Amino acid sequence: MPQIPSLRASEVVKIFEKLGWHVARQRGSHMIMIKAGEIASLSIPNHNPVAKGTLRSLIRSANLTVSDFLTVK
């Protein structure tokens, strides 16, 4: 399993935007991202850096593998 890098919230949002997700709204310190055709939404904490376990969970929720996520980076 590939190592998850330490990324800032803005970097995570940019990667997900390249994958077709977009920020629907922000409330407090969390950005909510949605994608057409997906049931799930992603709640990305605006923390720097985003915790590696949280990032792994977001990747899994987006039906991606870590390798897929990192190739877009």
C-alpha atoms as a PDB file:
ATOM      1  CA  MET A   1       0.000   0.000   0.000  1.00  0.00           C
ATOM      2  CA  PRO A   2       1.452   3.394  -0.972  1.00  0.00           C
ATOM      3  CA  GLN A   3       2.461   5.834   1.692  1.00  0.00           C
ATOM      4  CA  ILE A   4       0.047   8.748   2.145  1.00  0.00           C
ATOM      5  CA  PRO A   5       1.838  12.102   1.994  1.00  0.00           C
ATOM      6  CA  SER A   6       1.213  14.981   4.345  1.00  0.00           C
ATOM      7  CA  LEU A   7      -1.008  17.412   2.417  1.00  0.00           C
ATOM      8  CA  ARG A   8      -2.602  20.752   3.171  1.00  0.00           C
ATOM      9  CA  ALA A   9      -6.401  21.048   2.920  1.00  0.00           C
ATOM     10  CA  SER A  10      -6.123  23.262  -0.178  1.00  0.00           C
ATOM     11  CA  GLU A  11      -3.988  20.609  -1.923  1.00  0.00           C
ATOM     12  CA  VAL A  12      -6.522  17.895  -1.089  1.00  0.00           C
ATOM     13  CA  VAL A  13      -9.372  20.029  -2.471  1.00  0.00           C
ATOM     14  CA  LYS A  14      -7.445  20.696  -5.711  1.00  0.00           C
ATOM     15  CA  ILE A  15      -6.827  16.971  -6.252  1.00  0.00           C
ATOM     16  CA  PHE A  16     -10.471  16.094  -5.675  1.00  0.00           C
ATOM     17  CA  GLU A  17     -11.515  18.923  -8.027  1.00  0.00           C
ATOM     18  CA  LYS A  18      -9.344  17.362 -10.754  1.00  0.00           C
ATOM     19  CA  LEU A  19     -11.277  14.136 -10.131  1.00  0.00           C
ATOM     20  CA  GLY A  20     -14.640  15.843 -10.744  1.00  0.00           C
ATOM     21  CA  TRP A  21     -15.652  16.842  -7.197  1.00  0.00           C
ATOM     22  CA  HIS A  22     -16.499  20.453  -6.348  1.00  0.00           C
ATOM     23  CA  VAL A  23     -16.975  22.429  -3.145  1.00  0.00           C
ATOM     24  CA  ALA A  24     -20.688  22.787  -2.484  1.00  0.00           C
ATOM     25  CA  ARG A  25     -20.408  24.741   0.736  1.00  0.00           C
ATOM     26  CA  GLN A  26     -18.244  25.444   3.750  1.00  0.00           C
ATOM     27  CA  ARG A  27     -19.427  25.614   7.306  1.00  0.00           C
ATOM     28  CA  GLY A  28     -16.874  26.414   9.939  1.00  0.00           C
ATOM     29  CA  SER A  29     -13.673  24.507   9.339  1.00  0.00           C
ATOM     30  CA  HIS A  30     -15.071  21.834   7.002  1.00  0.00           C
ATOM     31  CA  MET A  31     -15.531  22.013   3.235  1.00  0.00           C
ATOM     32  CA  ILE A  32     -18.262  19.804   1.783  1.00  0.00           C
ATOM     33  CA  MET A  33     -17.517  18.427  -1.677  1.00  0.00           C
ATOM     34  CA  ILE A  34     -20.025  16.729  -3.960  1.00  0.00           C
ATOM     35  CA  LYS A  35     -19.906  15.011  -7.334  1.00  0.00           C
ATOM     36  CA  ALA A  36     -22.719  14.362  -9.789  1.00  0.00           C
ATOM     37  CA  GLY A  37     -23.744  10.716  -9.726  1.00  0.00           C
ATOM     38  CA  GLU A  38     -22.220  10.027  -6.317  1.00  0.00           C
ATOM     39  CA  ILE A  39     -24.358   9.351  -3.265  1.00  0.00           C
ATOM     40  CA  ALA A  40     -21.660  10.275  -0.769  1.00  0.00           C
ATOM     41  CA  SER A  41     -20.297  13.722  -0.059  1.00  0.00           C
ATOM     42  CA  LEU A  42     -16.817  14.445   1.268  1.00  0.00           C
ATOM     43  CA  SER A  43     -16.273  16.542   4.371  1.00  0.00           C
ATOM     44  CA  ILE A  44     -12.725  17.868   4.182  1.00  0.00           C
ATOM     45  CA  PRO A  45     -11.388  19.499   7.340  1.00  0.00           C
ATOM     46  CA  ASN A  46      -9.633  22.799   6.755  1.00  0.00           C
ATOM     47  CA  HIS A  47      -6.670  21.706   8.894  1.00  0.00           C
ATOM     48  CA  ASN A  48      -3.054  21.831   7.892  1.00  0.00           C
ATOM     49  CA  PRO A  49      -1.947  19.182   7.357  1.00  0.00           C
ATOM     50  CA  VAL A  50      -4.975  16.909   6.930  1.00  0.00           C
ATOM     51  CA  ALA A  51      -4.493  13.850   9.149  1.00  0.00           C
ATOM     52  CA  LYS A  52      -3.326  10.829   7.160  1.00  0.00           C
ATOM     53  CA  GLY A  53      -6.094   8.576   8.503  1.00  0.00           C
ATOM     54  CA  THR A  54      -8.699  11.179   7.589  1.00  0.00           C
ATOM     55  CA  LEU A  55      -7.262  11.521   4.103  1.00  0.00           C
ATOM     56  CA  ARG A  56      -7.270   7.735   3.627  1.00  0.00           C
ATOM     57  CA  SER A  57     -10.932   7.661   4.708  1.00  0.00           C
ATOM     58  CA  LEU A  58     -11.824  10.459   2.244  1.00  0.00           C
ATOM     59  CA  ILE A  59     -10.098   8.601  -0.579  1.00  0.00           C
ATOM     60  CA  ARG A  60     -12.022   5.438   0.291  1.00  0.00           C
ATOM     61  CA  SER A  61     -15.320   7.377   0.458  1.00  0.00           C
ATOM     62  CA  ALA A  62     -14.664   8.714  -3.050  1.00  0.00           C
ATOM     63  CA  ASN A  63     -14.340   5.102  -4.317  1.00  0.00           C
ATOM     64  CA  LEU A  64     -10.666   5.594  -5.149  1.00  0.00           C
ATOM     65  CA  THR A  65      -7.466   3.839  -4.244  1.00  0.00           C
ATOM     66  CA  VAL A  66      -4.534   5.676  -2.734  1.00  0.00           C
ATOM     67  CA  SER A  67      -2.581   5.002  -5.948  1.00  0.00           C
ATOM     68  CA  ASP A  68      -5.343   6.593  -8.060  1.00  0.00           C
ATOM     69  CA  PHE A  69      -5.425   9.623  -5.775  1.00  0.00           C
ATOM     70  CA  LEU A  70      -1.651  10.064  -5.860  1.00  0.00           C
ATOM     71  CA  THR A  71      -1.376   9.801  -9.656  1.00  0.00           C
ATOM     72  CA  VAL A  72      -3.631  12.864 -10.002  1.00  0.00           C
ATOM     73  CA  LYS A  73      -1.455  14.820  -7.595  1.00  0.00           C
END
